[in-house]
Amino acid sequence: MGLGAQLSVTDLRRSSRHPVDFRLIAEHRQRGDLHLRIVNLSAHGFMTQGGDLGLGRGERVNVRLPHIGRIEAHLIWLSGDRAGFQFERIIRMNEFIGLIDELQPNPRLRNRR
């Protein structure tokens, strides 16, 4: 058995992604506060861009999102200054719609639901 996160949902790359530009401070148990810029979001996870996170695949961070509250996310992939995270659980549709409505107020930029 490998080390790192044992994720129950393995391939959600086809999930609808919504473009956002949201900055937050994530909490890592060893590195402390990490400044993240989320550039797209789905009910299963998010992608960040910018900066060197200094994290490895499978590491966990806690983030606080509007309408969702605190949720843990696992680092799935890294490519240059971009990183993909998967939430510990799938976000309920009504909570996700509220989150997108707040983070992406321009309805023309939202994916169709």
N, C-alpha and C. Protein backbone atom coordinates (compact mmCIF):
# COMPACT_ATOMS: atom_id res chain seq x y z
N MET A 1 0.84 -1.17 0.00
CA MET A 1 0.00 0.00 0.00
C MET A 1 0.89 1.23 0.00
N GLY A 2 0.59 2.18 -0.88
CA GLY A 2 1.40 3.38 -0.99
C GLY A 2 1.10 4.39 0.11
N LEU A 3 2.01 5.29 0.26
CA LEU A 3 1.81 6.37 1.21
C LEU A 3 1.00 7.47 0.56
N GLY A 4 0.48 8.37 1.36
CA GLY A 4 -0.30 9.48 0.81
C GLY A 4 -1.79 9.23 0.97
N ALA A 5 -2.56 10.11 0.37
CA ALA A 5 -4.01 10.06 0.52
C ALA A 5 -4.60 8.83 -0.16
N GLN A 6 -5.53 8.19 0.49
CA GLN A 6 -6.28 7.09 -0.09
C GLN A 6 -7.64 7.66 -0.51
N LEU A 7 -7.73 8.13 -1.75
CA LEU A 7 -8.92 8.83 -2.20
C LEU A 7 -9.94 7.85 -2.76
N SER A 8 -11.20 8.09 -2.42
CA SER A 8 -12.25 7.18 -2.85
C SER A 8 -12.70 7.46 -4.28
N VAL A 9 -12.60 8.70 -4.73
CA VAL A 9 -13.01 9.06 -6.08
C VAL A 9 -11.74 9.34 -6.86
N THR A 10 -11.47 8.53 -7.89
CA THR A 10 -10.16 8.61 -8.52
C THR A 10 -10.10 9.46 -9.77
N ASP A 11 -11.16 9.51 -10.58
CA ASP A 11 -11.06 10.26 -11.83
C ASP A 11 -12.30 11.10 -12.05
N LEU A 12 -12.22 12.35 -11.61
CA LEU A 12 -13.34 13.26 -11.76
C LEU A 12 -12.98 14.41 -12.69
N ARG A 13 -12.03 14.21 -13.57
CA ARG A 13 -11.54 15.26 -14.45
C ARG A 13 -12.61 15.77 -15.40
N ARG A 14 -13.68 15.03 -15.58
CA ARG A 14 -14.73 15.47 -16.50
C ARG A 14 -15.78 16.32 -15.82
N SER A 15 -15.63 16.62 -14.55
CA SER A 15 -16.59 17.46 -13.83
C SER A 15 -16.58 18.87 -14.39
N SER A 16 -17.74 19.51 -14.36
CA SER A 16 -17.83 20.90 -14.82
C SER A 16 -16.98 21.79 -13.94
N ARG A 17 -16.18 22.60 -14.59
CA ARG A 17 -15.33 23.54 -13.86
C ARG A 17 -15.86 24.94 -14.10
N HIS A 18 -15.79 25.75 -13.07
CA HIS A 18 -16.26 27.12 -13.14
C HIS A 18 -15.07 28.04 -12.92
N PRO A 19 -14.84 28.99 -13.84
CA PRO A 19 -13.71 29.92 -13.66
C PRO A 19 -14.00 30.88 -12.52
N VAL A 20 -13.04 31.04 -11.64
CA VAL A 20 -13.14 31.98 -10.52
C VAL A 20 -11.77 32.62 -10.33
N ASP A 21 -11.73 33.65 -9.54
CA ASP A 21 -10.47 34.24 -9.11
C ASP A 21 -10.64 34.54 -7.63
N PHE A 22 -10.30 33.56 -6.81
CA PHE A 22 -10.57 33.64 -5.38
C PHE A 22 -9.30 33.34 -4.60
N ARG A 23 -8.92 34.26 -3.76
CA ARG A 23 -7.73 34.08 -2.93
C ARG A 23 -8.16 33.71 -1.51
N LEU A 24 -7.42 32.77 -0.95
CA LEU A 24 -7.71 32.35 0.42
C LEU A 24 -6.43 31.89 1.09
N ILE A 25 -6.53 31.69 2.37
CA ILE A 25 -5.41 31.15 3.14
C ILE A 25 -5.79 29.75 3.58
N ALA A 26 -5.02 28.77 3.11
CA ALA A 26 -5.23 27.38 3.48
C ALA A 26 -4.34 27.04 4.67
N GLU A 27 -4.76 26.06 5.43
CA GLU A 27 -3.98 25.62 6.59
C GLU A 27 -3.37 24.25 6.30
N HIS A 28 -2.06 24.16 6.51
CA HIS A 28 -1.35 22.90 6.36
C HIS A 28 -0.78 22.55 7.73
N ARG A 29 -0.86 21.30 8.13
CA ARG A 29 -0.48 20.96 9.51
C ARG A 29 0.99 21.19 9.81
N GLN A 30 1.88 21.12 8.82
CA GLN A 30 3.30 21.35 9.07
C GLN A 30 3.78 22.71 8.57
N ARG A 31 3.29 23.15 7.43
CA ARG A 31 3.75 24.40 6.84
C ARG A 31 2.98 25.62 7.32
N GLY A 32 1.88 25.41 8.02
CA GLY A 32 1.09 26.53 8.51
C GLY A 32 0.22 27.11 7.41
N ASP A 33 0.13 28.43 7.36
CA ASP A 33 -0.73 29.12 6.40
C ASP A 33 -0.10 29.15 5.01
N LEU A 34 -0.90 28.82 4.00
CA LEU A 34 -0.50 28.87 2.60
C LEU A 34 -1.46 29.79 1.85
N HIS A 35 -0.94 30.73 1.10
CA HIS A 35 -1.77 31.62 0.31
C HIS A 35 -2.05 30.96 -1.03
N LEU A 36 -3.34 30.73 -1.33
CA LEU A 36 -3.75 30.08 -2.56
C LEU A 36 -4.62 31.01 -3.39
N ARG A 37 -4.49 30.88 -4.70
CA ARG A 37 -5.38 31.58 -5.64
C ARG A 37 -6.10 30.52 -6.45
N ILE A 38 -7.38 30.34 -6.17
CA ILE A 38 -8.20 29.36 -6.88
C ILE A 38 -8.64 29.98 -8.21
N VAL A 39 -8.36 29.27 -9.31
CA VAL A 39 -8.71 29.79 -10.64
C VAL A 39 -9.85 29.01 -11.30
N ASN A 40 -10.11 27.79 -10.85
CA ASN A 40 -11.34 27.12 -11.27
C ASN A 40 -11.77 26.14 -10.19
N LEU A 41 -13.06 25.81 -10.23
CA LEU A 41 -13.68 25.11 -9.12
C LEU A 41 -14.74 24.16 -9.66
N SER A 42 -14.85 22.99 -9.06
CA SER A 42 -15.94 22.06 -9.34
C SER A 42 -16.46 21.54 -8.00
N ALA A 43 -17.51 20.74 -8.04
CA ALA A 43 -18.05 20.17 -6.81
C ALA A 43 -17.11 19.16 -6.19
N HIS A 44 -16.07 18.76 -6.94
CA HIS A 44 -15.13 17.74 -6.48
C HIS A 44 -13.78 18.30 -6.07
N GLY A 45 -13.45 19.53 -6.51
CA GLY A 45 -12.14 20.06 -6.19
C GLY A 45 -11.89 21.41 -6.84
N PHE A 46 -10.62 21.82 -6.85
CA PHE A 46 -10.27 23.12 -7.41
C PHE A 46 -8.85 23.10 -7.93
N MET A 47 -8.54 24.10 -8.77
CA MET A 47 -7.20 24.27 -9.29
C MET A 47 -6.68 25.62 -8.81
N THR A 48 -5.42 25.63 -8.39
CA THR A 48 -4.77 26.87 -7.99
C THR A 48 -3.70 27.23 -9.01
N GLN A 49 -3.33 28.51 -9.00
CA GLN A 49 -2.27 28.96 -9.88
C GLN A 49 -1.45 30.02 -9.16
N GLY A 50 -0.14 29.97 -9.40
CA GLY A 50 0.76 30.97 -8.83
C GLY A 50 1.46 30.48 -7.57
N GLY A 51 2.73 30.79 -7.50
CA GLY A 51 3.49 30.48 -6.30
C GLY A 51 3.92 29.04 -6.18
N ASP A 52 4.92 28.83 -5.35
CA ASP A 52 5.42 27.50 -5.06
C ASP A 52 4.81 27.04 -3.75
N LEU A 53 3.98 26.01 -3.80
CA LEU A 53 3.31 25.53 -2.60
C LEU A 53 4.25 24.77 -1.67
N GLY A 54 5.24 24.12 -2.24
CA GLY A 54 6.14 23.31 -1.43
C GLY A 54 5.47 22.08 -0.86
N LEU A 55 4.44 21.57 -1.55
CA LEU A 55 3.71 20.39 -1.11
C LEU A 55 3.94 19.25 -2.08
N GLY A 56 3.69 18.04 -1.62
CA GLY A 56 3.77 16.86 -2.47
C GLY A 56 2.40 16.25 -2.66
N ARG A 57 2.27 15.42 -3.69
CA ARG A 57 0.99 14.76 -3.96
C ARG A 57 0.50 14.01 -2.73
N GLY A 58 -0.80 14.13 -2.48
CA GLY A 58 -1.41 13.44 -1.35
C GLY A 58 -1.46 14.27 -0.08
N GLU A 59 -0.71 15.37 -0.02
CA GLU A 59 -0.74 16.20 1.18
C GLU A 59 -2.09 16.91 1.29
N ARG A 60 -2.45 17.22 2.51
CA ARG A 60 -3.77 17.77 2.79
C ARG A 60 -3.69 19.20 3.28
N VAL A 61 -4.68 19.98 2.89
CA VAL A 61 -4.84 21.34 3.40
C VAL A 61 -6.31 21.52 3.80
N ASN A 62 -6.54 22.43 4.72
CA ASN A 62 -7.90 22.82 5.08
C ASN A 62 -8.15 24.20 4.51
N VAL A 63 -9.30 24.35 3.84
CA VAL A 63 -9.69 25.64 3.29
C VAL A 63 -11.07 26.00 3.83
N ARG A 64 -11.36 27.29 3.82
CA ARG A 64 -12.68 27.78 4.23
C ARG A 64 -13.29 28.49 3.04
N LEU A 65 -14.43 27.95 2.56
CA LEU A 65 -15.10 28.48 1.38
C LEU A 65 -16.48 29.03 1.74
N PRO A 66 -16.91 30.11 1.07
CA PRO A 66 -18.26 30.62 1.31
C PRO A 66 -19.30 29.54 1.03
N HIS A 67 -20.36 29.49 1.82
CA HIS A 67 -21.47 28.53 1.69
C HIS A 67 -21.08 27.10 2.02
N ILE A 68 -19.80 26.80 2.11
CA ILE A 68 -19.35 25.43 2.38
C ILE A 68 -18.79 25.34 3.79
N GLY A 69 -18.04 26.35 4.17
CA GLY A 69 -17.33 26.33 5.45
C GLY A 69 -15.98 25.66 5.29
N ARG A 70 -15.52 25.07 6.35
CA ARG A 70 -14.20 24.44 6.35
C ARG A 70 -14.28 23.06 5.71
N ILE A 71 -13.34 22.80 4.80
CA ILE A 71 -13.31 21.50 4.13
C ILE A 71 -11.86 21.13 3.83
N GLU A 72 -11.55 19.87 3.94
CA GLU A 72 -10.21 19.38 3.66
C GLU A 72 -10.08 19.05 2.17
N ALA A 73 -8.89 19.31 1.62
CA ALA A 73 -8.62 18.99 0.21
C ALA A 73 -7.25 18.32 0.12
N HIS A 74 -7.12 17.39 -0.82
CA HIS A 74 -5.89 16.63 -1.04
C HIS A 74 -5.25 17.08 -2.34
N LEU A 75 -3.96 17.28 -2.33
CA LEU A 75 -3.23 17.65 -3.54
C LEU A 75 -3.14 16.43 -4.45
N ILE A 76 -3.68 16.54 -5.66
CA ILE A 76 -3.73 15.44 -6.61
C ILE A 76 -2.62 15.54 -7.64
N TRP A 77 -2.36 16.75 -8.15
CA TRP A 77 -1.35 16.91 -9.17
C TRP A 77 -0.69 18.28 -9.08
N LEU A 78 0.53 18.38 -9.62
CA LEU A 78 1.30 19.63 -9.72
C LEU A 78 1.84 19.73 -11.13
N SER A 79 1.79 20.93 -11.71
CA SER A 79 2.37 21.17 -13.02
C SER A 79 2.79 22.63 -13.08
N GLY A 80 4.08 22.87 -12.98
CA GLY A 80 4.56 24.26 -12.97
C GLY A 80 4.02 25.01 -11.77
N ASP A 81 3.34 26.13 -12.03
CA ASP A 81 2.78 26.92 -10.93
C ASP A 81 1.30 26.60 -10.69
N ARG A 82 0.80 25.51 -11.29
CA ARG A 82 -0.59 25.10 -11.09
C ARG A 82 -0.65 23.84 -10.24
N ALA A 83 -1.76 23.71 -9.51
CA ALA A 83 -1.95 22.52 -8.67
C ALA A 83 -3.44 22.18 -8.63
N GLY A 84 -3.75 20.89 -8.62
CA GLY A 84 -5.12 20.42 -8.54
C GLY A 84 -5.38 19.74 -7.21
N PHE A 85 -6.46 20.12 -6.57
CA PHE A 85 -6.85 19.57 -5.28
C PHE A 85 -8.22 18.91 -5.39
N GLN A 86 -8.40 17.83 -4.66
CA GLN A 86 -9.69 17.14 -4.59
C GLN A 86 -10.25 17.30 -3.18
N PHE A 87 -11.52 17.68 -3.08
CA PHE A 87 -12.15 17.79 -1.77
C PHE A 87 -12.28 16.42 -1.12
N GLU A 88 -12.31 16.39 0.20
CA GLU A 88 -12.46 15.14 0.93
C GLU A 88 -13.83 14.51 0.70
N ARG A 89 -14.78 15.34 0.29
CA ARG A 89 -16.13 14.86 0.00
C ARG A 89 -16.69 15.71 -1.13
N ILE A 90 -17.71 15.20 -1.79
CA ILE A 90 -18.37 15.96 -2.85
C ILE A 90 -19.28 16.99 -2.19
N ILE A 91 -19.26 18.19 -2.72
CA ILE A 91 -20.10 19.27 -2.18
C ILE A 91 -21.52 19.11 -2.72
N ARG A 92 -22.52 19.26 -1.84
CA ARG A 92 -23.92 19.17 -2.26
C ARG A 92 -24.23 20.25 -3.28
N MET A 93 -25.12 19.92 -4.22
CA MET A 93 -25.41 20.82 -5.33
C MET A 93 -25.92 22.19 -4.86
N ASN A 94 -26.81 22.24 -3.90
CA ASN A 94 -27.32 23.55 -3.46
C ASN A 94 -26.22 24.40 -2.82
N GLU A 95 -25.31 23.79 -2.09
CA GLU A 95 -24.18 24.52 -1.52
C GLU A 95 -23.23 24.98 -2.62
N PHE A 96 -23.01 24.11 -3.61
CA PHE A 96 -22.10 24.45 -4.70
C PHE A 96 -22.65 25.61 -5.53
N ILE A 97 -23.94 25.61 -5.81
CA ILE A 97 -24.55 26.71 -6.56
C ILE A 97 -24.39 28.02 -5.80
N GLY A 98 -24.62 28.00 -4.49
CA GLY A 98 -24.41 29.21 -3.69
C GLY A 98 -22.96 29.67 -3.72
N LEU A 99 -22.03 28.74 -3.67
CA LEU A 99 -20.61 29.06 -3.74
C LEU A 99 -20.26 29.72 -5.07
N ILE A 100 -20.70 29.13 -6.17
CA ILE A 100 -20.41 29.68 -7.49
C ILE A 100 -21.08 31.04 -7.67
N ASP A 101 -22.30 31.19 -7.21
CA ASP A 101 -22.98 32.48 -7.32
C ASP A 101 -22.23 33.58 -6.60
N GLU A 102 -21.58 33.24 -5.49
CA GLU A 102 -20.81 34.24 -4.76
C GLU A 102 -19.44 34.49 -5.39
N LEU A 103 -18.75 33.42 -5.80
CA LEU A 103 -17.40 33.58 -6.33
C LEU A 103 -17.37 34.01 -7.79
N GLN A 104 -18.42 33.71 -8.54
CA GLN A 104 -18.48 34.10 -9.95
C GLN A 104 -19.81 34.79 -10.22
N PRO A 105 -19.91 36.07 -9.82
CA PRO A 105 -21.19 36.77 -9.93
C PRO A 105 -21.63 37.06 -11.37
N ASN A 106 -20.72 36.98 -12.36
CA ASN A 106 -21.08 37.23 -13.75
C ASN A 106 -21.70 35.96 -14.33
N PRO A 107 -23.02 35.94 -14.58
CA PRO A 107 -23.67 34.70 -15.05
C PRO A 107 -23.17 34.23 -16.40
N ARG A 108 -22.61 35.12 -17.23
CA ARG A 108 -22.09 34.70 -18.53
C ARG A 108 -20.84 33.84 -18.39
N LEU A 109 -20.14 33.95 -17.28
CA LEU A 109 -18.92 33.16 -17.07
C LEU A 109 -19.19 31.84 -16.36
N ARG A 110 -20.40 31.66 -15.85
CA ARG A 110 -20.75 30.41 -15.18
C ARG A 110 -21.08 29.34 -16.22
N ASN A 111 -20.68 28.12 -15.96
CA ASN A 111 -21.08 27.00 -16.82
C ASN A 111 -22.56 26.76 -16.63
N ARG A 112 -23.21 26.22 -17.66
CA ARG A 112 -24.64 25.90 -17.52
C ARG A 112 -24.81 24.78 -16.52
N ARG A 113 -25.87 24.88 -15.74
CA ARG A 113 -26.14 23.87 -14.70
C ARG A 113 -27.14 22.87 -15.18
